[in-house]
Amino acid sequence: MCTMWEDEHMTRSIGAYVVEGATVHAQVVSDQGVEFALRGDISDAEPAVAVSSVLETNPALRRNLWAYAKTWFLAYTTPLTAALSVPDPEAQEKALAQAEVSKKSLLKQADAFAKTAQWIADVADDLSSVELKHGWCSACYTQEEHWKSNRPFGQLPVYVCQGCGAPTLPCFAPECDNMAVRDRGAVRVPQFCAEHRHDLPGFEKSQGSFGELYEYEDYLNYEKPNLDRRTKIVATTAVVAGTAVPLTLLAAPAIGGAIGSLGIFGGLSGAAATSHGLALLGGGSIATGGLGMAGGTAVVTAVGAAVGGALGASVTNAYLREDSSFRIELLRPGKGGVPVLVANGFLSDNSSDKWGGWKQIVDQRYPNSPVYRVMWGAKELKDFGVFGANAIGKAGAVGAVKAGGAVANKAAAKALGGIAWPAFLISDLAKNPWHVAKSRADKTGAILGDLLARTTASSYVLIGHSLGARAMVVAAQTLTTNPGAPRIEAAHLLGAAIGAKSDWTSLAEAVDEAAYCYHSSRDMVLKYVYAAAQAGQRAAGLDGFKPDTPKIINIDVSELVATHFEYQKNVVLAQPGSSQSTV
């Protein structure tokens, strides 16, 4: 199996082929004939150098070349293999059709990695250490030397960052010493640095902390004017998002393994984690369960050193520009207890109550703590709440879902206007609203993890319901990747809209006391809505986390909670030393 890719604007090519089994060889030749190649197993985070040259010292080239090879390999193997394993002929036919869609998506991403790698090779093969500049790099957000490339002739100059290897050029803003990311080919429009594009609040401030959590808004204020009005960050056009360039340049295969290993994204290890993580990096339509380019890559960058750093700040900034409803409200200052954060989820926003229904349950367990409420995803949660509007009318949509969640019987069917309830949910949710809301919850968790990592607090308590619980899990897991970040004293997850079965090691490592999962077998929203949207997957809020550990404590509240909307008023939060039990 072999592929060769060639850009009409480039005189040389980039290609990959399978040596044997899962061993892949990838090579690139610059426009001046300098060759560089990598070889390794598809599970390798850092492959071996197969053909050495001056290009091998460029981190961005190595990462993009290897990401190209991996994504190309996945495109021709993973989707088809999974589809052929489906035993039922009719189901297999549908799986094969979906495999073709997945293949095209992966090949598109492989093409993007290939173009980036070829561009870097063409400008990095002949650099001058005499003609250089020193400044903040808009690709890696660090202060570095930038060496000038002796090509391309007749075009604006190209520099190469000696930290990350990205092509750069001076920011077009007057009196700005920062370096902008240099696009391929002739530059016909001004190129601005990350500060003047509002990709992040400021280079220096993005490296540090800001004190108490309520000070986060001052931290997010931009230091420079936005001189690049063309930049619009939206979920459906991630390739022009402010995070797209640095993510493309810095998304090493190791990051694919990191995201694949997180429990919320599969809890896998080794080659499986890397493959799954890169598949998420490559996108996958929201409708088929993928996070999409914006969702997948940006959540990934909240892993590891990005949390609390400049790259994490860029991710947070991009997500906040997508979700104008995000904010953190201080509900009460407290009297010295551990700060508590609460987050609502699907159909539990309760916007008429500033506490969102949390006051009683929090007062009982944490009477002296400062309490913050995380507001997020207003549009996505609203769209999810009215997902059946086309069939039964907007006025009755939310009520229908609540009725269906409360009683999965004739009364629910009647509330849905005679439509077969589970089938109705499957056909509509799979098209968009659930997966969009789920992706927004993941992004909210990434934002929260980065912001908490910048505060001076030593620990927090996280409490969430439904998709709000999902966001809290992401926040807790991302914090574990930064040794200097605050600890999570406890996490209380009520009716969590997240898969039950996975490797939850990172969640257990995030908490000092425990992560308590309050689950109810009578929660019909999770039993039917979640399962329908997730192709039969069982939710943790229905069955508890599997497997459990001494720090992952499942608490069965079925006797107290009859619907998805009764957790807050009927559950009493567990105390230290609680064990798996029925409350």
Protein backbone atom coordinates (compact mmCIF):
# COMPACT_ATOMS: atom_id res chain seq x y z
CA MET A 1 0.00 0.00 0.00
CA CYS A 2 1.54 3.29 -1.05
CA THR A 3 0.44 6.86 -1.55
CA MET A 4 2.11 9.88 -3.08
CA TRP A 5 0.77 13.38 -2.63
CA GLU A 6 1.82 16.35 -4.70
CA ASP A 7 0.78 20.00 -4.60
CA GLU A 8 0.53 21.77 -7.95
CA HIS A 9 2.42 24.72 -6.44
CA MET A 10 5.36 22.58 -5.29
CA THR A 11 8.10 21.02 -7.37
CA ARG A 12 8.65 18.04 -5.08
CA SER A 13 6.38 15.58 -3.29
CA ILE A 14 5.59 13.95 0.00
CA GLY A 15 4.56 10.34 0.40
CA ALA A 16 4.04 7.37 2.68
CA TYR A 17 3.94 3.60 2.35
CA VAL A 18 3.56 0.55 4.57
CA VAL A 19 6.81 -1.34 5.11
CA GLU A 20 5.26 -4.30 6.91
CA GLY A 21 2.27 -4.73 9.20
CA ALA A 22 1.80 -1.42 11.01
CA THR A 23 5.27 -0.07 10.18
CA VAL A 24 5.02 3.05 8.04
CA HIS A 25 7.66 4.99 6.09
CA ALA A 26 7.02 8.67 5.35
CA GLN A 27 9.28 10.96 3.34
CA VAL A 28 9.36 14.52 2.08
CA VAL A 29 11.66 16.18 -0.46
CA SER A 30 12.06 19.95 -0.44
CA ASP A 31 11.99 22.10 -3.57
CA GLN A 32 15.80 22.17 -3.46
CA GLY A 33 16.05 18.39 -3.31
CA VAL A 34 16.75 17.93 0.41
CA GLU A 35 15.17 14.67 1.56
CA PHE A 36 13.97 13.69 5.02
CA ALA A 37 12.17 10.52 6.09
CA LEU A 38 10.68 8.92 9.20
CA ARG A 39 9.87 5.28 9.90
CA GLY A 40 8.11 3.59 12.77
CA ASP A 41 5.15 1.64 14.05
CA ILE A 42 1.83 3.43 13.81
CA SER A 43 1.69 3.45 17.64
CA ASP A 44 5.04 5.25 17.98
CA ALA A 45 4.82 8.79 19.32
CA GLU A 46 8.32 9.59 18.06
CA PRO A 47 9.38 7.51 15.03
CA ALA A 48 12.97 6.87 14.00
CA VAL A 49 14.74 9.00 11.41
CA ALA A 50 15.06 6.91 8.25
CA VAL A 51 16.77 9.52 6.07
CA SER A 52 18.78 12.17 7.89
CA SER A 53 19.28 15.75 6.72
CA VAL A 54 19.25 19.33 7.96
CA LEU A 55 15.46 19.06 8.11
CA GLU A 56 15.43 16.57 10.99
CA THR A 57 15.99 19.29 13.60
CA ASN A 58 12.66 20.94 12.76
CA PRO A 59 10.01 19.79 15.31
CA ALA A 60 7.04 21.06 13.29
CA LEU A 61 8.17 19.15 10.20
CA ARG A 62 8.68 15.91 12.14
CA ARG A 63 5.28 16.16 13.78
CA ASN A 64 3.33 17.07 10.66
CA LEU A 65 5.08 14.45 8.53
CA TRP A 66 4.34 11.73 11.07
CA ALA A 67 0.78 12.95 11.67
CA TYR A 68 0.27 12.80 7.90
CA ALA A 69 1.55 9.21 7.76
CA LYS A 70 -0.60 8.08 10.70
CA THR A 71 -3.77 9.74 9.47
CA TRP A 72 -3.23 8.33 5.97
CA PHE A 73 -2.69 4.84 7.44
CA LEU A 74 -5.86 5.11 9.52
CA ALA A 75 -7.84 6.23 6.47
CA TYR A 76 -7.01 3.03 4.61
CA THR A 77 -7.28 0.58 7.51
CA THR A 78 -9.34 1.46 10.59
CA PRO A 79 -12.76 2.39 9.09
CA LEU A 80 -12.90 -0.59 6.71
CA THR A 81 -11.65 -3.10 9.29
CA ALA A 82 -14.31 -2.08 11.78
CA ALA A 83 -17.06 -2.21 9.15
CA LEU A 84 -16.11 -5.68 7.93
CA SER A 85 -16.35 -7.01 11.48
CA VAL A 86 -20.10 -6.27 11.61
CA PRO A 87 -21.85 -9.69 11.27
CA ASP A 88 -25.29 -8.60 10.05
CA PRO A 89 -25.24 -8.08 6.22
CA GLU A 90 -27.59 -5.10 6.24
CA ALA A 91 -25.78 -3.45 9.14
CA GLN A 92 -22.44 -4.17 7.48
CA GLU A 93 -23.57 -2.44 4.30
CA LYS A 94 -24.42 0.68 6.30
CA ALA A 95 -21.15 0.41 8.21
CA LEU A 96 -19.19 0.20 4.95
CA ALA A 97 -20.94 3.31 3.67
CA GLN A 98 -20.05 5.11 6.87
CA ALA A 99 -16.48 3.79 6.60
CA GLU A 100 -16.17 5.52 3.25
CA VAL A 101 -17.28 8.80 4.83
CA SER A 102 -14.72 8.34 7.62
CA LYS A 103 -12.04 7.52 5.08
CA LYS A 104 -12.67 10.72 3.14
CA SER A 105 -12.55 12.75 6.35
CA LEU A 106 -9.24 11.20 7.38
CA LEU A 107 -7.74 11.66 3.91
CA LYS A 108 -8.74 15.32 3.99
CA GLN A 109 -6.92 15.72 7.28
CA ALA A 110 -3.91 13.79 5.95
CA ASP A 111 -3.81 16.19 3.02
CA ALA A 112 -3.71 19.16 5.40
CA PHE A 113 -0.82 17.65 7.37
CA ALA A 114 1.00 16.88 4.10
CA LYS A 115 0.70 20.41 2.78
CA THR A 116 1.99 21.83 6.04
CA ALA A 117 4.94 19.41 6.10
CA GLN A 118 5.86 20.18 2.48
CA TRP A 119 5.71 23.93 3.09
CA ILE A 120 7.97 23.66 6.14
CA ALA A 121 10.47 21.50 4.25
CA ASP A 122 10.63 24.00 1.38
CA VAL A 123 11.52 26.94 3.65
CA ALA A 124 13.57 25.18 6.35
CA ASP A 125 16.21 23.53 4.16
CA ASP A 126 18.32 26.70 3.78
CA LEU A 127 18.36 29.10 6.75
CA SER A 128 20.61 32.00 7.69
CA SER A 129 21.64 32.30 11.34
CA VAL A 130 23.01 35.77 10.55
CA GLU A 131 19.73 37.30 9.40
CA LEU A 132 17.48 36.67 12.37
CA LYS A 133 14.84 38.23 14.57
CA HIS A 134 13.91 37.63 18.18
CA GLY A 135 10.32 37.76 19.38
CA TRP A 136 7.19 35.95 20.49
CA CYS A 137 6.19 33.17 18.09
CA SER A 138 2.50 32.98 17.15
CA ALA A 139 2.76 29.23 16.55
CA CYS A 140 4.27 28.04 19.86
CA TYR A 141 3.70 31.19 21.97
CA THR A 142 7.28 31.35 23.25
CA GLN A 143 10.07 33.90 22.80
CA GLU A 144 12.54 32.47 20.29
CA GLU A 145 15.06 33.30 17.59
CA HIS A 146 13.63 33.25 14.06
CA TRP A 147 16.14 32.48 11.29
CA LYS A 148 15.53 33.82 7.80
CA SER A 149 14.99 31.42 4.92
CA ASN A 150 16.82 32.14 1.67
CA ARG A 151 13.62 31.45 -0.26
CA PRO A 152 11.09 32.01 -1.75
CA PHE A 153 12.57 34.61 -4.10
CA GLY A 154 10.47 37.65 -4.98
CA GLN A 155 8.07 37.13 -2.08
CA LEU A 156 7.78 38.47 1.44
CA PRO A 157 10.51 37.07 3.69
CA VAL A 158 10.09 33.78 5.51
CA TYR A 159 11.61 33.05 8.91
CA VAL A 160 11.62 29.77 10.82
CA CYS A 161 11.09 29.67 14.58
CA GLN A 162 13.99 27.87 16.24
CA GLY A 163 11.71 26.67 19.01
CA CYS A 164 8.87 24.93 17.18
CA GLY A 165 10.03 25.06 13.54
CA ALA A 166 7.04 27.02 12.24
CA PRO A 167 7.42 29.40 9.26
CA THR A 168 6.98 32.99 10.50
CA LEU A 169 7.36 36.63 9.48
CA PRO A 170 7.25 39.95 11.38
CA CYS A 171 3.81 41.09 12.52
CA PHE A 172 2.39 43.77 10.23
CA ALA A 173 1.20 45.90 13.18
CA PRO A 174 3.20 49.14 13.63
CA GLU A 175 5.97 48.91 16.25
CA CYS A 176 5.17 45.26 17.02
CA ASP A 177 8.19 42.99 17.52
CA ASN A 178 6.17 39.76 17.59
CA MET A 179 6.25 37.17 14.81
CA ALA A 180 3.18 36.07 12.85
CA VAL A 181 2.63 32.64 11.33
CA ARG A 182 3.64 32.73 7.66
CA ASP A 183 1.10 31.25 5.23
CA ARG A 184 2.16 29.18 2.22
CA GLY A 185 2.96 30.90 -1.07
CA ALA A 186 2.67 34.59 -1.84
CA VAL A 187 1.19 36.68 1.00
CA ARG A 188 -1.44 39.02 -0.40
CA VAL A 189 -2.90 40.23 2.90
CA PRO A 190 -1.16 41.51 6.05
CA GLN A 191 -0.12 38.84 8.54
CA PHE A 192 -0.59 39.65 12.23
CA CYS A 193 0.74 38.05 15.39
CA ALA A 194 -1.48 36.12 17.80
CA GLU A 195 -1.96 39.20 20.02
CA HIS A 196 -3.17 41.35 17.13
CA ARG A 197 -5.42 38.54 15.86
CA HIS A 198 -6.92 38.08 19.34
CA ASP A 199 -5.91 34.43 19.32
CA LEU A 200 -4.99 34.93 22.98
CA PRO A 201 -5.26 37.79 25.50
CA GLY A 202 -1.53 38.48 25.48
CA PHE A 203 1.71 36.53 25.13
CA GLU A 204 3.10 37.30 28.59
CA LYS A 205 -0.14 37.13 30.58
CA SER A 206 -1.01 33.79 28.95
CA GLN A 207 2.03 32.25 30.61
CA GLY A 208 0.90 32.97 34.16
CA SER A 209 -1.85 32.96 36.78
CA PHE A 210 -4.41 35.52 37.90
CA GLY A 211 -5.27 34.81 41.56
CA GLU A 212 -8.87 34.07 42.60
CA LEU A 213 -11.28 32.47 40.15
CA TYR A 214 -13.59 35.51 40.06
CA GLU A 215 -10.70 37.48 38.51
CA TYR A 216 -10.80 35.39 35.33
CA GLU A 217 -12.57 38.09 33.29
CA ASP A 218 -9.74 40.60 33.82
CA TYR A 219 -7.26 37.93 32.78
CA LEU A 220 -9.17 37.35 29.52
CA ASN A 221 -9.17 41.03 28.52
CA TYR A 222 -7.11 41.63 25.37
CA GLU A 223 -3.96 43.72 25.65
CA LYS A 224 -3.80 44.70 21.96
CA PRO A 225 -6.42 45.74 19.35
CA ASN A 226 -7.66 43.15 16.87
CA LEU A 227 -6.12 44.16 13.54
CA ASP A 228 -7.16 41.00 11.73
CA ARG A 229 -10.93 41.31 11.42
CA ARG A 230 -10.99 38.53 8.86
CA THR A 231 -10.38 35.90 11.53
CA LYS A 232 -13.63 34.31 12.64
CA ILE A 233 -13.51 31.34 14.99
CA VAL A 234 -16.48 29.05 14.44
CA ALA A 235 -16.90 25.36 15.11
CA THR A 236 -17.50 24.47 11.46
CA THR A 237 -14.40 26.20 10.08
CA ALA A 238 -11.63 25.06 12.36
CA VAL A 239 -8.95 25.46 9.70
CA VAL A 240 -9.22 29.23 10.05
CA ALA A 241 -9.67 29.20 13.81
CA GLY A 242 -7.11 31.02 15.86
CA THR A 243 -5.91 27.72 17.29
CA ALA A 244 -5.74 25.94 13.94
CA VAL A 245 -2.23 26.99 12.92
CA PRO A 246 -0.45 26.18 16.18
CA LEU A 247 -2.46 22.98 16.57
CA THR A 248 -1.51 21.80 13.11
CA LEU A 249 2.13 22.60 13.75
CA LEU A 250 2.36 21.25 17.28
CA ALA A 251 -0.13 18.36 17.37
CA ALA A 252 2.41 15.58 17.77
CA PRO A 253 1.24 11.98 17.53
CA ALA A 254 1.88 11.85 21.28
CA ILE A 255 -1.11 14.15 21.73
CA GLY A 256 -3.25 11.66 19.84
CA GLY A 257 -2.25 9.05 22.39
CA ALA A 258 -2.92 11.44 25.25
CA ILE A 259 -6.48 12.19 24.20
CA GLY A 260 -7.23 8.56 23.39
CA SER A 261 -6.11 7.53 26.88
CA LEU A 262 -8.52 9.86 28.68
CA GLY A 263 -11.49 7.97 30.04
CA ILE A 264 -14.01 10.31 28.49
CA PHE A 265 -12.59 9.64 25.03
CA GLY A 266 -12.22 5.89 25.33
CA GLY A 267 -9.71 5.18 28.10
CA LEU A 268 -7.51 3.25 25.68
CA SER A 269 -3.79 2.59 25.75
CA GLY A 270 -0.92 2.02 23.35
CA ALA A 271 -1.69 1.84 19.65
CA ALA A 272 -5.43 1.88 20.24
CA ALA A 273 -5.22 5.15 22.19
CA THR A 274 -3.03 6.77 19.54
CA SER A 275 -5.27 5.62 16.69
CA HIS A 276 -8.44 6.76 18.42
CA GLY A 277 -6.87 10.05 19.46
CA LEU A 278 -5.67 10.78 15.94
CA ALA A 279 -9.09 9.87 14.61
CA LEU A 280 -10.53 12.54 16.89
CA LEU A 281 -7.82 14.92 15.74
CA GLY A 282 -8.83 14.19 12.18
CA GLY A 283 -12.40 15.15 12.92
CA GLY A 284 -15.27 12.88 12.08
CA SER A 285 -18.64 14.49 11.61
CA ILE A 286 -20.52 15.57 14.70
CA ALA A 287 -23.51 13.57 13.51
CA THR A 288 -21.54 10.31 13.62
CA GLY A 289 -20.10 10.92 17.05
CA GLY A 290 -16.77 12.54 16.20
CA LEU A 291 -15.83 15.71 18.02
CA GLY A 292 -15.17 17.53 14.78
CA MET A 293 -11.91 19.36 14.07
CA ALA A 294 -12.67 22.24 16.41
CA GLY A 295 -13.87 20.01 19.20
CA GLY A 296 -11.29 17.27 18.90
CA THR A 297 -8.10 19.22 18.49
CA ALA A 298 -8.91 21.94 20.96
CA VAL A 299 -9.84 19.53 23.73
CA VAL A 300 -6.62 17.67 22.97
CA THR A 301 -4.52 20.77 23.49
CA ALA A 302 -5.90 21.14 26.99
CA VAL A 303 -3.88 18.01 27.76
CA GLY A 304 -0.40 18.15 29.23
CA ALA A 305 1.71 21.28 29.37
CA ALA A 306 -0.98 23.27 27.56
CA VAL A 307 -3.07 23.49 30.75
CA GLY A 308 -2.28 26.80 32.40
CA GLY A 309 0.13 27.74 29.58
CA ALA A 310 -0.07 29.95 26.50
CA LEU A 311 -1.40 27.20 24.22
CA GLY A 312 -4.11 26.47 26.76
CA ALA A 313 -4.93 30.19 26.81
CA SER A 314 -5.35 30.12 23.03
CA VAL A 315 -7.71 27.15 23.26
CA THR A 316 -9.71 28.81 26.02
CA ASN A 317 -9.89 32.02 24.01
CA ALA A 318 -11.12 30.19 20.91
CA TYR A 319 -13.83 28.35 22.84
CA LEU A 320 -15.00 31.50 24.57
CA ARG A 321 -15.41 33.18 21.21
CA GLU A 322 -17.61 30.25 20.16
CA ASP A 323 -19.72 30.32 23.33
CA SER A 324 -20.77 33.83 24.29
CA SER A 325 -22.92 32.43 27.10
CA PHE A 326 -19.92 31.10 29.06
CA ARG A 327 -19.29 32.82 32.34
CA ILE A 328 -18.46 31.96 35.93
CA GLU A 329 -20.67 33.65 38.52
CA LEU A 330 -19.70 33.99 42.18
CA LEU A 331 -22.87 32.97 44.04
CA ARG A 332 -21.43 33.62 47.50
CA PRO A 333 -17.96 34.53 48.83
CA GLY A 334 -17.98 31.90 51.61
CA LYS A 335 -16.19 31.79 54.95
CA GLY A 336 -12.96 30.00 54.17
CA GLY A 337 -14.04 26.59 52.84
CA VAL A 338 -12.79 24.91 49.67
CA PRO A 339 -14.26 26.69 46.60
CA VAL A 340 -17.18 24.82 45.02
CA LEU A 341 -18.12 24.96 41.33
CA VAL A 342 -21.52 23.81 40.06
CA ALA A 343 -22.71 23.26 36.49
CA ASN A 344 -26.12 22.40 35.10
CA GLY A 345 -26.81 20.34 32.02
CA PHE A 346 -29.51 19.28 29.60
CA LEU A 347 -32.93 20.71 30.57
CA SER A 348 -31.75 21.57 34.10
CA ASP A 349 -30.53 25.12 33.53
CA ASN A 350 -33.35 26.69 35.60
CA SER A 351 -32.37 30.19 34.49
CA SER A 352 -34.98 31.82 36.75
CA ASP A 353 -32.93 30.76 39.79
CA LYS A 354 -29.40 32.18 39.93
CA TRP A 355 -28.31 29.09 41.87
CA GLY A 356 -29.73 26.79 39.18
CA GLY A 357 -31.32 24.59 41.84
CA TRP A 358 -28.03 23.95 43.68
CA LYS A 359 -28.42 26.01 46.87
CA GLN A 360 -29.97 23.38 49.15
CA ILE A 361 -27.72 20.51 48.13
CA VAL A 362 -24.55 22.65 48.38
CA ASP A 363 -25.50 24.32 51.68
CA GLN A 364 -25.98 20.92 53.31
CA ARG A 365 -22.54 19.63 52.35
CA TYR A 366 -20.38 22.77 51.96
CA PRO A 367 -21.97 25.50 54.14
CA ASN A 368 -18.82 27.67 54.44
CA SER A 369 -17.40 27.38 50.94
CA PRO A 370 -17.30 30.05 48.24
CA VAL A 371 -19.63 28.87 45.47
CA TYR A 372 -19.31 29.55 41.75
CA ARG A 373 -21.74 28.61 39.02
CA VAL A 374 -20.45 27.77 35.54
CA MET A 375 -22.81 29.04 32.84
CA TRP A 376 -22.23 27.47 29.43
CA GLY A 377 -23.64 26.31 26.09
CA ALA A 378 -26.93 28.22 26.18
CA LYS A 379 -27.55 27.76 22.46
CA GLU A 380 -26.52 24.10 22.33
CA LEU A 381 -28.55 23.14 25.39
CA LYS A 382 -31.56 25.01 24.04
CA ASP A 383 -31.25 23.32 20.64
CA PHE A 384 -30.99 19.94 22.33
CA GLY A 385 -34.08 20.72 24.39
CA VAL A 386 -36.15 21.40 21.29
CA PHE A 387 -34.63 18.74 19.04
CA GLY A 388 -38.10 17.40 18.25
CA ALA A 389 -39.51 20.75 17.18
CA ASN A 390 -39.84 19.73 13.53
CA ALA A 391 -42.04 16.81 14.47
CA ILE A 392 -44.17 18.04 17.37
CA GLY A 393 -43.75 21.82 17.46
CA LYS A 394 -41.43 23.97 19.53
CA ALA A 395 -43.95 24.62 22.26
CA GLY A 396 -44.24 20.97 23.18
CA ALA A 397 -40.71 19.76 22.53
CA VAL A 398 -39.16 20.29 25.96
CA GLY A 399 -42.27 19.04 27.69
CA ALA A 400 -42.28 15.96 25.49
CA VAL A 401 -38.71 15.08 26.36
CA LYS A 402 -39.40 15.63 30.04
CA ALA A 403 -42.51 13.49 29.81
CA GLY A 404 -40.62 10.78 27.99
CA GLY A 405 -37.83 10.91 30.54
CA ALA A 406 -40.25 10.74 33.44
CA VAL A 407 -42.39 7.83 32.28
CA ALA A 408 -41.37 5.52 29.44
CA ASN A 409 -44.89 4.27 28.80
CA LYS A 410 -48.12 5.21 27.06
CA ALA A 411 -48.19 8.61 28.75
CA ALA A 412 -44.81 9.46 27.25
CA ALA A 413 -45.88 8.24 23.83
CA LYS A 414 -49.00 10.38 24.08
CA ALA A 415 -46.92 13.42 25.02
CA LEU A 416 -44.88 12.84 21.88
CA GLY A 417 -47.97 13.06 19.74
CA GLY A 418 -48.23 9.36 19.01
CA ILE A 419 -44.70 9.07 17.62
CA ALA A 420 -42.75 5.94 18.56
CA TRP A 421 -40.60 7.44 21.30
CA PRO A 422 -37.23 5.62 21.15
CA ALA A 423 -37.22 5.63 17.33
CA PHE A 424 -38.06 9.33 17.30
CA LEU A 425 -35.14 10.09 19.58
CA ILE A 426 -32.73 8.04 17.51
CA SER A 427 -33.68 9.63 14.20
CA ASP A 428 -33.49 13.21 15.43
CA LEU A 429 -30.65 13.19 17.97
CA ALA A 430 -28.21 11.47 15.65
CA LYS A 431 -28.56 14.32 13.18
CA ASN A 432 -27.01 16.98 15.34
CA PRO A 433 -28.24 18.48 18.66
CA TRP A 434 -27.01 15.86 21.12
CA HIS A 435 -23.52 15.61 19.67
CA VAL A 436 -23.21 19.38 19.39
CA ALA A 437 -24.22 19.78 23.04
CA LYS A 438 -21.86 16.97 24.09
CA SER A 439 -18.96 18.58 22.23
CA ARG A 440 -19.77 21.91 23.89
CA ALA A 441 -19.66 20.21 27.31
CA ASP A 442 -16.22 18.80 26.48
CA LYS A 443 -15.00 22.24 25.42
CA THR A 444 -16.44 23.80 28.56
CA GLY A 445 -14.47 21.29 30.62
CA ALA A 446 -11.30 22.25 28.74
CA ILE A 447 -11.93 25.96 29.40
CA LEU A 448 -12.58 25.30 33.07
CA GLY A 449 -9.49 23.13 33.46
CA ASP A 450 -7.27 25.82 31.97
CA LEU A 451 -8.78 28.63 34.08
CA LEU A 452 -8.60 26.64 37.33
CA ALA A 453 -4.95 25.82 36.61
CA ARG A 454 -4.19 29.57 36.62
CA THR A 455 -5.70 30.32 40.02
CA THR A 456 -3.90 30.38 43.37
CA ALA A 457 -6.38 28.05 45.11
CA SER A 458 -4.93 24.74 46.29
CA SER A 459 -8.08 22.70 45.59
CA TYR A 460 -11.68 22.79 44.37
CA VAL A 461 -14.89 20.79 44.63
CA LEU A 462 -16.66 20.11 41.32
CA ILE A 463 -20.41 19.38 41.18
CA GLY A 464 -22.35 18.80 37.98
CA HIS A 465 -25.57 17.34 36.63
CA SER A 466 -26.11 15.60 33.28
CA LEU A 467 -23.89 17.23 30.64
CA GLY A 468 -22.66 19.58 33.37
CA ALA A 469 -21.23 16.50 35.09
CA ARG A 470 -19.53 15.57 31.83
CA ALA A 471 -17.89 19.01 31.69
CA MET A 472 -16.64 18.55 35.25
CA VAL A 473 -15.07 15.18 34.38
CA VAL A 474 -13.15 16.78 31.49
CA ALA A 475 -12.00 19.61 33.76
CA ALA A 476 -10.78 17.18 36.43
CA GLN A 477 -8.96 14.96 33.94
CA THR A 478 -7.18 17.84 32.23
CA LEU A 479 -5.99 19.22 35.57
CA THR A 480 -4.18 15.95 36.34
CA THR A 481 -1.81 16.60 33.44
CA ASN A 482 -0.36 19.69 35.13
CA PRO A 483 1.51 18.80 38.36
CA GLY A 484 1.32 22.39 39.60
CA ALA A 485 -2.43 22.78 39.08
CA PRO A 486 -4.95 22.82 41.96
CA ARG A 487 -6.21 19.46 43.17
CA ILE A 488 -9.84 18.34 43.13
CA GLU A 489 -10.93 17.65 46.70
CA ALA A 490 -14.08 15.87 45.50
CA ALA A 491 -16.27 15.58 42.43
CA HIS A 492 -20.02 14.98 42.76
CA LEU A 493 -21.52 13.79 39.47
CA LEU A 494 -25.32 13.58 39.37
CA GLY A 495 -26.99 11.73 36.51
CA ALA A 496 -23.79 12.03 34.51
CA ALA A 497 -24.30 12.02 30.72
CA ILE A 498 -21.05 10.21 30.05
CA GLY A 499 -20.22 6.62 29.15
CA ALA A 500 -20.10 4.27 32.12
CA LYS A 501 -17.47 1.80 30.94
CA SER A 502 -13.92 3.06 30.45
CA ASP A 503 -10.54 3.43 32.11
CA TRP A 504 -11.18 6.09 34.73
CA THR A 505 -7.67 6.06 36.20
CA SER A 506 -7.05 9.73 35.40
CA LEU A 507 -10.33 10.74 37.06
CA ALA A 508 -9.39 8.78 40.19
CA GLU A 509 -5.94 10.41 40.19
CA ALA A 510 -7.53 13.86 39.97
CA VAL A 511 -9.42 13.63 43.28
CA ASP A 512 -8.08 13.57 46.84
CA GLU A 513 -11.30 12.38 48.49
CA ALA A 514 -13.35 10.70 45.76
CA ALA A 515 -15.40 11.13 42.60
CA TYR A 516 -18.97 10.27 43.59
CA CYS A 517 -21.30 9.06 40.85
CA TYR A 518 -24.98 9.33 41.82
CA HIS A 519 -26.91 7.06 39.46
CA SER A 520 -30.54 6.02 39.07
CA SER A 521 -31.90 3.07 37.12
CA ARG A 522 -35.16 5.03 36.78
CA ASP A 523 -33.52 7.85 34.81
CA MET A 524 -35.30 7.32 31.49
CA VAL A 525 -33.59 10.25 29.78
CA LEU A 526 -30.25 8.49 30.21
CA LYS A 527 -31.76 5.08 29.56
CA TYR A 528 -33.33 6.05 26.24
CA VAL A 529 -32.15 9.46 25.05
CA TYR A 530 -28.48 8.93 25.90
CA ALA A 531 -28.45 5.32 24.70
CA ALA A 532 -30.16 6.27 21.43
CA ALA A 533 -27.71 9.07 20.73
CA GLN A 534 -24.70 6.96 21.73
CA ALA A 535 -25.57 3.82 19.76
CA GLY A 536 -26.61 1.81 22.81
CA GLN A 537 -23.87 2.94 25.18
CA ARG A 538 -24.86 2.94 28.85
CA ALA A 539 -24.48 6.17 30.81
CA ALA A 540 -22.64 6.43 34.12
CA GLY A 541 -25.68 8.26 35.51
CA LEU A 542 -27.75 5.15 34.88
CA ASP A 543 -25.42 2.36 36.04
CA GLY A 544 -22.41 4.01 37.70
CA PHE A 545 -18.80 4.04 36.49
CA LYS A 546 -17.31 0.73 35.41
CA PRO A 547 -14.92 -0.33 36.71
CA ASP A 548 -15.11 1.45 40.04
CA THR A 549 -12.09 2.03 42.28
CA PRO A 550 -11.57 3.16 45.88
CA LYS A 551 -11.75 6.75 44.61
CA ILE A 552 -14.55 6.20 42.07
CA ILE A 553 -17.58 5.64 44.27
CA ASN A 554 -20.94 4.73 42.74
CA ILE A 555 -23.98 5.66 44.83
CA ASP A 556 -27.32 4.19 43.76
CA VAL A 557 -30.06 6.78 44.31
CA SER A 558 -32.79 4.95 42.38
CA GLU A 559 -35.14 4.97 45.37
CA LEU A 560 -34.88 8.75 45.61
CA VAL A 561 -34.59 9.79 41.97
CA ALA A 562 -37.41 8.79 39.63
CA THR A 563 -36.53 11.09 36.70
CA HIS A 564 -33.54 12.91 35.22
CA PHE A 565 -34.74 16.12 36.86
CA GLU A 566 -34.95 15.07 40.52
CA TYR A 567 -31.29 14.70 41.52
CA GLN A 568 -30.73 18.18 42.92
CA LYS A 569 -33.77 18.21 45.19
CA ASN A 570 -33.56 14.60 46.40
CA VAL A 571 -29.86 13.71 46.66
CA VAL A 572 -27.68 14.41 49.70
CA LEU A 573 -24.01 14.75 48.77
CA ALA A 574 -21.77 12.06 50.22
CA GLN A 575 -19.35 12.66 53.09
CA PRO A 576 -15.71 11.49 53.25
CA GLY A 577 -15.51 7.77 53.91
CA SER A 578 -18.70 6.96 52.01
CA SER A 579 -18.58 3.64 50.21
CA GLN A 580 -20.51 2.19 47.31
CA SER A 581 -24.05 2.01 48.51
CA THR A 582 -27.71 2.62 47.98
CA VAL A 583 -28.82 5.93 49.45
